[in-house]
Amino acid sequence: MSYLRTFLPWIVFAVLPSGSWQWAALAALVVAVAVMAQQVRAGTGFDALIIELGSAVFFAALTVIAFADPHSGVHDYSAALSSGTLAVIAGVSLAINKPFTLGIAKRTTPRELWDLKPFVRTNVIITAVWTAAFALTAVVLALVAHAGDAHSTTATVIQIAGFVVPMLFTVRYIAYVQAKAGQVAR
């Protein structure tokens, strides 16, 4: 559920009709701010809100562009820019040794595990996979947009895959790491 909440603004933007992209950007901005506010009120630290903060900044900028010029060329590349922005946010989180998944994982992991090397390493790997998936998705979506199919079913499927594949990896990798840790503990 944490990942769904984290990426909710991006999902909102992706599912709203592309012909109303300025309203989709505004809705995503409102959702990003609401999710962040709710999480801060719940006591979530900013280290667990890396994607949410980046989302709010991205959708604030996109909203301004979309309302200033609804026919902007940015519209056709907005899906690629979205994935590219997520790749940059995730990549920067790795570069500063604060993998974005670490903050999410801490929400459901006992505090005594937070500083252990295997826990941190697991989140570095998971964040790296998300970063790669976002970057690959951005490139493919940019190629699709360049071919004139930015708002096609193909583009939608690519966007969905860009989230589903790393999410499935995350679930399976965590299960693998937990199973392996269970074998070592015996």
N, C-alpha and C. Protein backbone atom coordinates (compact mmCIF):
# COMPACT_ATOMS: atom_id res chain seq x y z
N MET A 1 0.81 -1.20 0.00
CA MET A 1 0.00 0.00 0.00
C MET A 1 0.85 1.26 0.00
N SER A 2 2.04 1.18 0.62
CA SER A 2 2.91 2.35 0.68
C SER A 2 3.33 2.82 -0.71
N TYR A 3 3.64 1.86 -1.60
CA TYR A 3 4.06 2.24 -2.95
C TYR A 3 2.89 2.86 -3.72
N LEU A 4 1.71 2.33 -3.51
CA LEU A 4 0.54 2.88 -4.19
C LEU A 4 0.32 4.33 -3.76
N ARG A 5 0.42 4.59 -2.47
CA ARG A 5 0.27 5.96 -1.96
C ARG A 5 1.38 6.85 -2.51
N THR A 6 2.60 6.35 -2.53
CA THR A 6 3.75 7.12 -3.01
C THR A 6 3.57 7.55 -4.47
N PHE A 7 3.06 6.64 -5.29
CA PHE A 7 2.93 6.93 -6.72
C PHE A 7 1.53 7.37 -7.14
N LEU A 8 0.65 7.61 -6.18
CA LEU A 8 -0.72 7.99 -6.48
C LEU A 8 -0.82 9.23 -7.39
N PRO A 9 -0.03 10.29 -7.17
CA PRO A 9 -0.12 11.45 -8.09
C PRO A 9 0.18 11.07 -9.54
N TRP A 10 1.15 10.19 -9.73
CA TRP A 10 1.55 9.76 -11.07
C TRP A 10 0.46 8.91 -11.71
N ILE A 11 -0.19 8.10 -10.88
CA ILE A 11 -1.29 7.27 -11.37
C ILE A 11 -2.47 8.16 -11.77
N VAL A 12 -2.78 9.14 -10.93
CA VAL A 12 -3.86 10.09 -11.24
C VAL A 12 -3.58 10.78 -12.57
N PHE A 13 -2.36 11.25 -12.74
CA PHE A 13 -2.00 11.95 -13.98
C PHE A 13 -2.11 11.02 -15.18
N ALA A 14 -1.71 9.77 -15.01
CA ALA A 14 -1.72 8.81 -16.12
C ALA A 14 -3.13 8.39 -16.54
N VAL A 15 -4.05 8.32 -15.58
CA VAL A 15 -5.38 7.79 -15.93
C VAL A 15 -6.38 8.86 -16.36
N LEU A 16 -6.12 10.12 -16.05
CA LEU A 16 -7.04 11.16 -16.50
C LEU A 16 -6.85 11.41 -17.99
N PRO A 17 -7.91 11.81 -18.68
CA PRO A 17 -7.82 11.99 -20.13
C PRO A 17 -6.73 12.97 -20.55
N SER A 18 -5.95 12.57 -21.55
CA SER A 18 -4.82 13.40 -21.98
C SER A 18 -5.27 14.71 -22.62
N GLY A 19 -6.50 14.76 -23.11
CA GLY A 19 -7.01 16.00 -23.69
C GLY A 19 -7.20 17.09 -22.65
N SER A 20 -7.26 16.70 -21.40
CA SER A 20 -7.41 17.65 -20.29
C SER A 20 -6.14 17.61 -19.43
N TRP A 21 -5.01 17.64 -20.07
CA TRP A 21 -3.76 17.42 -19.36
C TRP A 21 -3.47 18.48 -18.31
N GLN A 22 -3.95 19.71 -18.53
CA GLN A 22 -3.70 20.74 -17.52
C GLN A 22 -4.45 20.40 -16.23
N TRP A 23 -5.68 19.87 -16.37
CA TRP A 23 -6.45 19.48 -15.19
C TRP A 23 -5.87 18.22 -14.56
N ALA A 24 -5.34 17.33 -15.38
CA ALA A 24 -4.69 16.13 -14.86
C ALA A 24 -3.45 16.51 -14.06
N ALA A 25 -2.68 17.47 -14.57
CA ALA A 25 -1.49 17.94 -13.86
C ALA A 25 -1.88 18.60 -12.54
N LEU A 26 -2.93 19.41 -12.57
CA LEU A 26 -3.39 20.06 -11.35
C LEU A 26 -3.91 19.03 -10.34
N ALA A 27 -4.67 18.06 -10.81
CA ALA A 27 -5.18 17.00 -9.92
C ALA A 27 -4.01 16.23 -9.30
N ALA A 28 -3.01 15.92 -10.10
CA ALA A 28 -1.84 15.20 -9.59
C ALA A 28 -1.10 16.05 -8.55
N LEU A 29 -1.01 17.35 -8.79
CA LEU A 29 -0.37 18.24 -7.82
C LEU A 29 -1.15 18.25 -6.50
N VAL A 30 -2.46 18.36 -6.60
CA VAL A 30 -3.29 18.36 -5.39
C VAL A 30 -3.12 17.05 -4.62
N VAL A 31 -3.12 15.93 -5.34
CA VAL A 31 -2.94 14.63 -4.70
C VAL A 31 -1.56 14.54 -4.07
N ALA A 32 -0.52 15.01 -4.76
CA ALA A 32 0.85 14.96 -4.22
C ALA A 32 0.94 15.74 -2.91
N VAL A 33 0.37 16.93 -2.90
CA VAL A 33 0.41 17.77 -1.68
C VAL A 33 -0.42 17.12 -0.57
N ALA A 34 -1.58 16.58 -0.93
CA ALA A 34 -2.44 15.94 0.07
C ALA A 34 -1.77 14.71 0.68
N VAL A 35 -1.16 13.89 -0.15
CA VAL A 35 -0.46 12.70 0.34
C VAL A 35 0.68 13.10 1.26
N MET A 36 1.44 14.10 0.84
CA MET A 36 2.56 14.56 1.65
C MET A 36 2.07 15.12 2.99
N ALA A 37 1.03 15.94 2.96
CA ALA A 37 0.49 16.52 4.19
C ALA A 37 -0.01 15.42 5.13
N GLN A 38 -0.71 14.45 4.57
CA GLN A 38 -1.23 13.34 5.38
C GLN A 38 -0.08 12.57 6.02
N GLN A 39 0.98 12.33 5.26
CA GLN A 39 2.12 11.58 5.77
C GLN A 39 2.88 12.37 6.85
N VAL A 40 3.03 13.67 6.64
CA VAL A 40 3.72 14.50 7.64
C VAL A 40 2.90 14.52 8.93
N ARG A 41 1.57 14.66 8.81
CA ARG A 41 0.71 14.63 10.01
C ARG A 41 0.82 13.29 10.73
N ALA A 42 1.05 12.22 9.98
CA ALA A 42 1.17 10.88 10.58
C ALA A 42 2.56 10.65 11.18
N GLY A 43 3.45 11.64 11.05
CA GLY A 43 4.77 11.53 11.64
C GLY A 43 5.85 10.99 10.72
N THR A 44 5.54 10.86 9.45
CA THR A 44 6.52 10.36 8.49
C THR A 44 7.60 11.41 8.27
N GLY A 45 8.84 10.99 8.34
CA GLY A 45 9.96 11.90 8.12
C GLY A 45 10.15 12.20 6.64
N PHE A 46 10.84 13.29 6.36
CA PHE A 46 11.04 13.68 4.97
C PHE A 46 11.91 12.68 4.20
N ASP A 47 12.70 11.86 4.91
CA ASP A 47 13.49 10.84 4.22
C ASP A 47 12.59 9.79 3.57
N ALA A 48 11.37 9.67 4.07
CA ALA A 48 10.41 8.73 3.50
C ALA A 48 9.49 9.40 2.48
N LEU A 49 9.73 10.67 2.20
CA LEU A 49 8.86 11.42 1.29
C LEU A 49 9.63 11.96 0.08
N ILE A 50 10.69 11.30 -0.28
CA ILE A 50 11.53 11.77 -1.39
C ILE A 50 10.74 11.83 -2.69
N ILE A 51 10.04 10.77 -3.02
CA ILE A 51 9.25 10.75 -4.26
C ILE A 51 8.11 11.76 -4.16
N GLU A 52 7.48 11.84 -3.01
CA GLU A 52 6.35 12.76 -2.83
C GLU A 52 6.78 14.22 -3.03
N LEU A 53 7.93 14.58 -2.47
CA LEU A 53 8.44 15.95 -2.64
C LEU A 53 8.76 16.23 -4.12
N GLY A 54 9.44 15.29 -4.74
CA GLY A 54 9.76 15.44 -6.17
C GLY A 54 8.50 15.50 -7.02
N SER A 55 7.50 14.72 -6.64
CA SER A 55 6.22 14.71 -7.37
C SER A 55 5.56 16.08 -7.30
N ALA A 56 5.52 16.65 -6.11
CA ALA A 56 4.89 17.96 -5.94
C ALA A 56 5.59 19.02 -6.79
N VAL A 57 6.91 19.01 -6.79
CA VAL A 57 7.67 19.98 -7.59
C VAL A 57 7.40 19.77 -9.08
N PHE A 58 7.46 18.52 -9.52
CA PHE A 58 7.23 18.22 -10.94
C PHE A 58 5.83 18.66 -11.37
N PHE A 59 4.82 18.27 -10.62
CA PHE A 59 3.46 18.59 -11.03
C PHE A 59 3.13 20.07 -10.87
N ALA A 60 3.80 20.77 -9.98
CA ALA A 60 3.63 22.22 -9.90
C ALA A 60 4.16 22.86 -11.19
N ALA A 61 5.34 22.44 -11.63
CA ALA A 61 5.91 22.98 -12.87
C ALA A 61 5.06 22.60 -14.08
N LEU A 62 4.63 21.34 -14.14
CA LEU A 62 3.83 20.89 -15.27
C LEU A 62 2.48 21.61 -15.32
N THR A 63 1.90 21.86 -14.16
CA THR A 63 0.62 22.57 -14.10
C THR A 63 0.77 23.98 -14.67
N VAL A 64 1.83 24.65 -14.29
CA VAL A 64 2.08 26.01 -14.80
C VAL A 64 2.23 25.98 -16.32
N ILE A 65 3.04 25.06 -16.82
CA ILE A 65 3.25 24.95 -18.27
C ILE A 65 1.94 24.62 -18.98
N ALA A 66 1.19 23.67 -18.45
CA ALA A 66 -0.04 23.21 -19.11
C ALA A 66 -1.11 24.29 -19.16
N PHE A 67 -1.23 25.08 -18.11
CA PHE A 67 -2.23 26.15 -18.12
C PHE A 67 -1.75 27.35 -18.93
N ALA A 68 -0.44 27.61 -18.92
CA ALA A 68 0.11 28.73 -19.69
C ALA A 68 -0.03 28.49 -21.19
N ASP A 69 0.15 27.23 -21.61
CA ASP A 69 0.05 26.89 -23.03
C ASP A 69 -0.47 25.47 -23.19
N PRO A 70 -1.80 25.31 -23.19
CA PRO A 70 -2.38 23.96 -23.29
C PRO A 70 -1.95 23.19 -24.54
N HIS A 71 -1.45 23.89 -25.55
CA HIS A 71 -1.03 23.23 -26.79
C HIS A 71 0.49 23.08 -26.86
N SER A 72 1.14 23.23 -25.74
CA SER A 72 2.59 23.11 -25.66
C SER A 72 3.05 21.72 -26.12
N GLY A 73 4.20 21.68 -26.75
CA GLY A 73 4.79 20.41 -27.16
C GLY A 73 5.14 19.52 -25.97
N VAL A 74 5.19 20.11 -24.79
CA VAL A 74 5.47 19.34 -23.58
C VAL A 74 4.38 18.28 -23.37
N HIS A 75 3.17 18.58 -23.82
CA HIS A 75 2.05 17.65 -23.64
C HIS A 75 2.37 16.27 -24.21
N ASP A 76 2.86 16.22 -25.43
CA ASP A 76 3.14 14.92 -26.06
C ASP A 76 4.24 14.15 -25.35
N TYR A 77 5.12 14.85 -24.67
CA TYR A 77 6.23 14.20 -23.99
C TYR A 77 6.04 14.14 -22.47
N SER A 78 4.84 14.48 -22.00
CA SER A 78 4.62 14.53 -20.55
C SER A 78 4.79 13.17 -19.88
N ALA A 79 4.38 12.09 -20.53
CA ALA A 79 4.56 10.76 -19.93
C ALA A 79 6.05 10.42 -19.84
N ALA A 80 6.79 10.71 -20.90
CA ALA A 80 8.24 10.46 -20.88
C ALA A 80 8.92 11.33 -19.83
N LEU A 81 8.49 12.59 -19.75
CA LEU A 81 9.05 13.49 -18.73
C LEU A 81 8.72 13.01 -17.33
N SER A 82 7.53 12.47 -17.15
CA SER A 82 7.14 11.94 -15.84
C SER A 82 8.07 10.80 -15.42
N SER A 83 8.24 9.85 -16.31
CA SER A 83 9.12 8.71 -15.99
C SER A 83 10.57 9.17 -15.83
N GLY A 84 10.99 10.10 -16.68
CA GLY A 84 12.34 10.64 -16.57
C GLY A 84 12.57 11.35 -15.24
N THR A 85 11.57 12.10 -14.81
CA THR A 85 11.66 12.79 -13.52
C THR A 85 11.76 11.78 -12.38
N LEU A 86 10.94 10.74 -12.44
CA LEU A 86 11.03 9.70 -11.41
C LEU A 86 12.40 9.03 -11.41
N ALA A 87 12.96 8.81 -12.60
CA ALA A 87 14.30 8.22 -12.69
C ALA A 87 15.34 9.13 -12.04
N VAL A 88 15.22 10.43 -12.28
CA VAL A 88 16.16 11.37 -11.68
C VAL A 88 15.99 11.40 -10.16
N ILE A 89 14.77 11.48 -9.69
CA ILE A 89 14.52 11.50 -8.24
C ILE A 89 15.09 10.24 -7.59
N ALA A 90 14.77 9.08 -8.17
CA ALA A 90 15.26 7.82 -7.61
C ALA A 90 16.79 7.74 -7.70
N GLY A 91 17.34 8.17 -8.82
CA GLY A 91 18.80 8.15 -8.99
C GLY A 91 19.51 9.08 -8.02
N VAL A 92 18.95 10.26 -7.82
CA VAL A 92 19.55 11.19 -6.85
C VAL A 92 19.46 10.61 -5.44
N SER A 93 18.35 9.95 -5.13
CA SER A 93 18.23 9.35 -3.80
C SER A 93 19.34 8.31 -3.58
N LEU A 94 19.70 7.59 -4.63
CA LEU A 94 20.81 6.64 -4.53
C LEU A 94 22.14 7.38 -4.38
N ALA A 95 22.32 8.43 -5.16
CA ALA A 95 23.57 9.18 -5.15
C ALA A 95 23.86 9.82 -3.79
N ILE A 96 22.82 10.19 -3.08
CA ILE A 96 23.02 10.82 -1.77
C ILE A 96 22.87 9.80 -0.63
N ASN A 97 22.89 8.52 -0.98
CA ASN A 97 22.80 7.43 -0.01
C ASN A 97 21.51 7.45 0.81
N LYS A 98 20.42 7.86 0.18
CA LYS A 98 19.10 7.85 0.80
C LYS A 98 18.11 7.22 -0.17
N PRO A 99 18.31 5.92 -0.51
CA PRO A 99 17.42 5.30 -1.50
C PRO A 99 15.96 5.50 -1.10
N PHE A 100 15.16 5.95 -2.05
CA PHE A 100 13.78 6.31 -1.72
C PHE A 100 13.00 5.16 -1.12
N THR A 101 13.33 3.92 -1.47
CA THR A 101 12.59 2.78 -0.92
C THR A 101 12.91 2.54 0.56
N LEU A 102 14.03 3.06 1.02
CA LEU A 102 14.41 2.88 2.42
C LEU A 102 13.38 3.54 3.33
N GLY A 103 12.98 4.75 3.01
CA GLY A 103 11.98 5.44 3.82
C GLY A 103 10.64 4.73 3.79
N ILE A 104 10.29 4.16 2.64
CA ILE A 104 9.04 3.42 2.53
C ILE A 104 9.13 2.13 3.34
N ALA A 105 10.26 1.44 3.24
CA ALA A 105 10.43 0.17 3.96
C ALA A 105 10.43 0.38 5.48
N LYS A 106 10.92 1.51 5.93
CA LYS A 106 10.96 1.78 7.37
C LYS A 106 9.56 1.87 7.97
N ARG A 107 8.58 2.17 7.13
CA ARG A 107 7.20 2.29 7.64
C ARG A 107 6.67 0.96 8.15
N THR A 108 7.21 -0.15 7.63
CA THR A 108 6.69 -1.47 8.00
C THR A 108 7.77 -2.41 8.57
N THR A 109 8.93 -1.87 8.87
CA THR A 109 10.04 -2.68 9.36
C THR A 109 10.42 -2.22 10.77
N PRO A 110 10.68 -3.16 11.67
CA PRO A 110 11.08 -2.79 13.04
C PRO A 110 12.33 -1.90 13.03
N ARG A 111 12.33 -0.91 13.89
CA ARG A 111 13.42 0.08 13.98
C ARG A 111 14.80 -0.57 14.14
N GLU A 112 14.87 -1.69 14.85
CA GLU A 112 16.17 -2.31 15.11
C GLU A 112 16.83 -2.85 13.83
N LEU A 113 16.10 -2.95 12.74
CA LEU A 113 16.66 -3.43 11.47
C LEU A 113 17.12 -2.29 10.56
N TRP A 114 16.70 -1.09 10.81
CA TRP A 114 16.91 0.03 9.90
C TRP A 114 18.37 0.29 9.52
N ASP A 115 19.27 0.12 10.46
CA ASP A 115 20.67 0.43 10.20
C ASP A 115 21.52 -0.78 9.82
N LEU A 116 20.89 -1.94 9.76
CA LEU A 116 21.64 -3.14 9.39
C LEU A 116 22.00 -3.12 7.91
N LYS A 117 23.21 -3.55 7.60
CA LYS A 117 23.68 -3.52 6.21
C LYS A 117 22.78 -4.28 5.24
N PRO A 118 22.28 -5.48 5.59
CA PRO A 118 21.41 -6.19 4.64
C PRO A 118 20.12 -5.41 4.32
N PHE A 119 19.56 -4.74 5.31
CA PHE A 119 18.34 -3.96 5.09
C PHE A 119 18.62 -2.79 4.15
N VAL A 120 19.69 -2.07 4.42
CA VAL A 120 20.06 -0.93 3.58
C VAL A 120 20.41 -1.42 2.18
N ARG A 121 21.20 -2.47 2.09
CA ARG A 121 21.63 -3.00 0.78
C ARG A 121 20.42 -3.46 -0.05
N THR A 122 19.47 -4.11 0.60
CA THR A 122 18.25 -4.54 -0.09
C THR A 122 17.55 -3.34 -0.71
N ASN A 123 17.48 -2.25 0.03
CA ASN A 123 16.80 -1.06 -0.49
C ASN A 123 17.60 -0.34 -1.56
N VAL A 124 18.91 -0.43 -1.50
CA VAL A 124 19.73 0.11 -2.58
C VAL A 124 19.44 -0.65 -3.87
N ILE A 125 19.39 -1.96 -3.78
CA ILE A 125 19.12 -2.78 -4.96
C ILE A 125 17.72 -2.49 -5.50
N ILE A 126 16.74 -2.45 -4.62
CA ILE A 126 15.36 -2.19 -5.06
C ILE A 126 15.25 -0.81 -5.70
N THR A 127 15.86 0.19 -5.09
CA THR A 127 15.81 1.54 -5.66
C THR A 127 16.52 1.59 -7.01
N ALA A 128 17.63 0.86 -7.14
CA ALA A 128 18.34 0.82 -8.42
C ALA A 128 17.46 0.21 -9.52
N VAL A 129 16.71 -0.82 -9.18
CA VAL A 129 15.80 -1.44 -10.16
C VAL A 129 14.70 -0.44 -10.55
N TRP A 130 14.12 0.24 -9.56
CA TRP A 130 13.11 1.26 -9.87
C TRP A 130 13.70 2.36 -10.76
N THR A 131 14.90 2.79 -10.44
CA THR A 131 15.56 3.84 -11.23
C THR A 131 15.75 3.39 -12.68
N ALA A 132 16.24 2.19 -12.85
CA ALA A 132 16.45 1.65 -14.21
C ALA A 132 15.12 1.52 -14.95
N ALA A 133 14.10 1.04 -14.25
CA ALA A 133 12.78 0.88 -14.89
C ALA A 133 12.22 2.24 -15.32
N PHE A 134 12.35 3.24 -14.45
CA PHE A 134 11.87 4.58 -14.81
C PHE A 134 12.65 5.14 -16.00
N ALA A 135 13.96 4.96 -15.99
CA ALA A 135 14.78 5.49 -17.08
C ALA A 135 14.43 4.80 -18.40
N LEU A 136 14.33 3.49 -18.39
CA LEU A 136 13.97 2.75 -19.60
C LEU A 136 12.58 3.15 -20.09
N THR A 137 11.65 3.27 -19.16
CA THR A 137 10.29 3.68 -19.52
C THR A 137 10.30 5.06 -20.16
N ALA A 138 11.08 5.98 -19.60
CA ALA A 138 11.16 7.34 -20.15
C ALA A 138 11.69 7.32 -21.58
N VAL A 139 12.72 6.54 -21.83
CA VAL A 139 13.29 6.46 -23.18
C VAL A 139 12.28 5.88 -24.16
N VAL A 140 11.64 4.79 -23.77
CA VAL A 140 10.67 4.15 -24.67
C VAL A 140 9.49 5.08 -24.92
N LEU A 141 8.99 5.74 -23.88
CA LEU A 141 7.87 6.68 -24.06
C LEU A 141 8.27 7.87 -24.94
N ALA A 142 9.50 8.33 -24.81
CA ALA A 142 9.96 9.42 -25.67
C ALA A 142 9.99 8.98 -27.13
N LEU A 143 10.43 7.75 -27.38
CA LEU A 143 10.44 7.22 -28.74
C LEU A 143 9.01 7.07 -29.29
N VAL A 144 8.11 6.60 -28.44
CA VAL A 144 6.71 6.46 -28.84
C VAL A 144 6.11 7.84 -29.14
N ALA A 145 6.40 8.82 -28.29
CA ALA A 145 5.91 10.19 -28.53
C ALA A 145 6.49 10.76 -29.80
N HIS A 146 7.77 10.53 -30.03
CA HIS A 146 8.42 11.03 -31.25
C HIS A 146 7.78 10.43 -32.50
N ALA A 147 7.31 9.19 -32.37
CA ALA A 147 6.65 8.52 -33.50
C ALA A 147 5.20 8.99 -33.68
N GLY A 148 4.75 9.87 -32.79
CA GLY A 148 3.40 10.42 -32.92
C GLY A 148 2.33 9.64 -32.18
N ASP A 149 2.73 8.73 -31.29
CA ASP A 149 1.77 7.90 -30.57
C ASP A 149 1.78 8.16 -29.07
N ALA A 150 2.02 9.41 -28.68
CA ALA A 150 2.17 9.75 -27.26
C ALA A 150 0.96 9.37 -26.41
N HIS A 151 -0.21 9.46 -26.97
CA HIS A 151 -1.43 9.23 -26.19
C HIS A 151 -2.17 7.98 -26.65
N SER A 152 -1.39 6.97 -27.01
CA SER A 152 -1.95 5.73 -27.54
C SER A 152 -2.07 4.66 -26.45
N THR A 153 -2.73 3.60 -26.80
CA THR A 153 -2.82 2.44 -25.91
C THR A 153 -1.43 1.89 -25.63
N THR A 154 -0.58 1.90 -26.64
CA THR A 154 0.80 1.43 -26.47
C THR A 154 1.50 2.23 -25.39
N ALA A 155 1.36 3.55 -25.43
CA ALA A 155 2.00 4.40 -24.42
C ALA A 155 1.46 4.09 -23.03
N THR A 156 0.16 3.86 -22.93
CA THR A 156 -0.44 3.53 -21.64
C THR A 156 0.09 2.22 -21.10
N VAL A 157 0.20 1.22 -21.96
CA VAL A 157 0.73 -0.09 -21.55
C VAL A 157 2.18 0.06 -21.08
N ILE A 158 2.95 0.85 -21.78
CA ILE A 158 4.35 1.08 -21.39
C ILE A 158 4.41 1.74 -20.02
N GLN A 159 3.57 2.74 -19.80
CA GLN A 159 3.54 3.41 -18.49
C GLN A 159 3.18 2.43 -17.39
N ILE A 160 2.18 1.62 -17.61
CA ILE A 160 1.76 0.63 -16.61
C ILE A 160 2.89 -0.34 -16.33
N ALA A 161 3.53 -0.83 -17.38
CA ALA A 161 4.64 -1.77 -17.21
C ALA A 161 5.79 -1.12 -16.44
N GLY A 162 5.99 0.17 -16.65
CA GLY A 162 7.05 0.90 -15.95
C GLY A 162 6.86 0.94 -14.44
N PHE A 163 5.66 0.70 -13.98
CA PHE A 163 5.38 0.61 -12.54
C PHE A 163 5.23 -0.84 -12.09
N VAL A 164 4.56 -1.65 -12.88
CA VAL A 164 4.26 -3.02 -12.47
C VAL A 164 5.52 -3.87 -12.39
N VAL A 165 6.40 -3.76 -13.37
CA VAL A 165 7.61 -4.59 -13.37
C VAL A 165 8.47 -4.35 -12.13
N PRO A 166 8.82 -3.09 -11.81
CA PRO A 166 9.63 -2.92 -10.59
C PRO A 166 8.86 -3.25 -9.30
N MET A 167 7.54 -3.08 -9.33
CA MET A 167 6.74 -3.43 -8.15
C MET A 167 6.79 -4.95 -7.92
N LEU A 168 6.64 -5.71 -9.00
CA LEU A 168 6.73 -7.17 -8.88
C LEU A 168 8.12 -7.59 -8.42
N PHE A 169 9.15 -6.95 -8.98
CA PHE A 169 10.51 -7.23 -8.55
C PHE A 169 10.66 -6.97 -7.05
N THR A 170 10.13 -5.84 -6.60
CA THR A 170 10.23 -5.47 -5.18
C THR A 170 9.61 -6.53 -4.29
N VAL A 171 8.40 -6.93 -4.61
CA VAL A 171 7.71 -7.94 -3.81
C VAL A 171 8.49 -9.25 -3.79
N ARG A 172 8.93 -9.68 -4.95
CA ARG A 172 9.65 -10.97 -5.04
C ARG A 172 11.03 -10.90 -4.39
N TYR A 173 11.72 -9.78 -4.57
CA TYR A 173 13.06 -9.65 -4.00
C TYR A 173 12.99 -9.60 -2.47
N ILE A 174 12.02 -8.89 -1.94
CA ILE A 174 11.86 -8.83 -0.49
C ILE A 174 11.56 -10.23 0.06
N ALA A 175 10.69 -10.95 -0.62
CA ALA A 175 10.37 -12.33 -0.20
C ALA A 175 11.63 -13.20 -0.24
N TYR A 176 12.44 -13.04 -1.28
CA TYR A 176 13.68 -13.80 -1.41
C TYR A 176 14.64 -13.47 -0.26
N VAL A 177 14.82 -12.19 0.01
CA VAL A 177 15.74 -11.76 1.07
C VAL A 177 15.26 -12.25 2.44
N GLN A 178 13.96 -12.17 2.67
CA GLN A 178 13.40 -12.64 3.95
C GLN A 178 13.56 -14.15 4.09
N ALA A 179 13.32 -14.89 3.00
CA ALA A 179 13.48 -16.34 3.05
C ALA A 179 14.94 -16.70 3.31
N LYS A 180 15.83 -16.02 2.65
CA LYS A 180 17.26 -16.27 2.83
C LYS A 180 17.68 -15.95 4.26
N ALA A 181 17.18 -14.86 4.81
CA ALA A 181 17.49 -14.48 6.19
C ALA A 181 16.93 -15.51 7.16
N GLY A 182 15.76 -16.07 6.84
CA GLY A 182 15.17 -17.11 7.67
C GLY A 182 16.00 -18.37 7.69
N GLN A 183 16.61 -18.71 6.56
CA GLN A 183 17.47 -19.90 6.48
C GLN A 183 18.74 -19.71 7.30
N VAL A 184 19.28 -18.50 7.27
CA VAL A 184 20.51 -18.18 8.01
C VAL A 184 20.22 -18.20 9.51
N ALA A 185 19.04 -17.76 9.91
CA ALA A 185 18.70 -17.68 11.34
C ALA A 185 18.50 -19.05 11.97
N ARG A 186 18.29 -20.08 11.18
CA ARG A 186 18.04 -21.43 11.73
C ARG A 186 19.27 -22.05 12.26
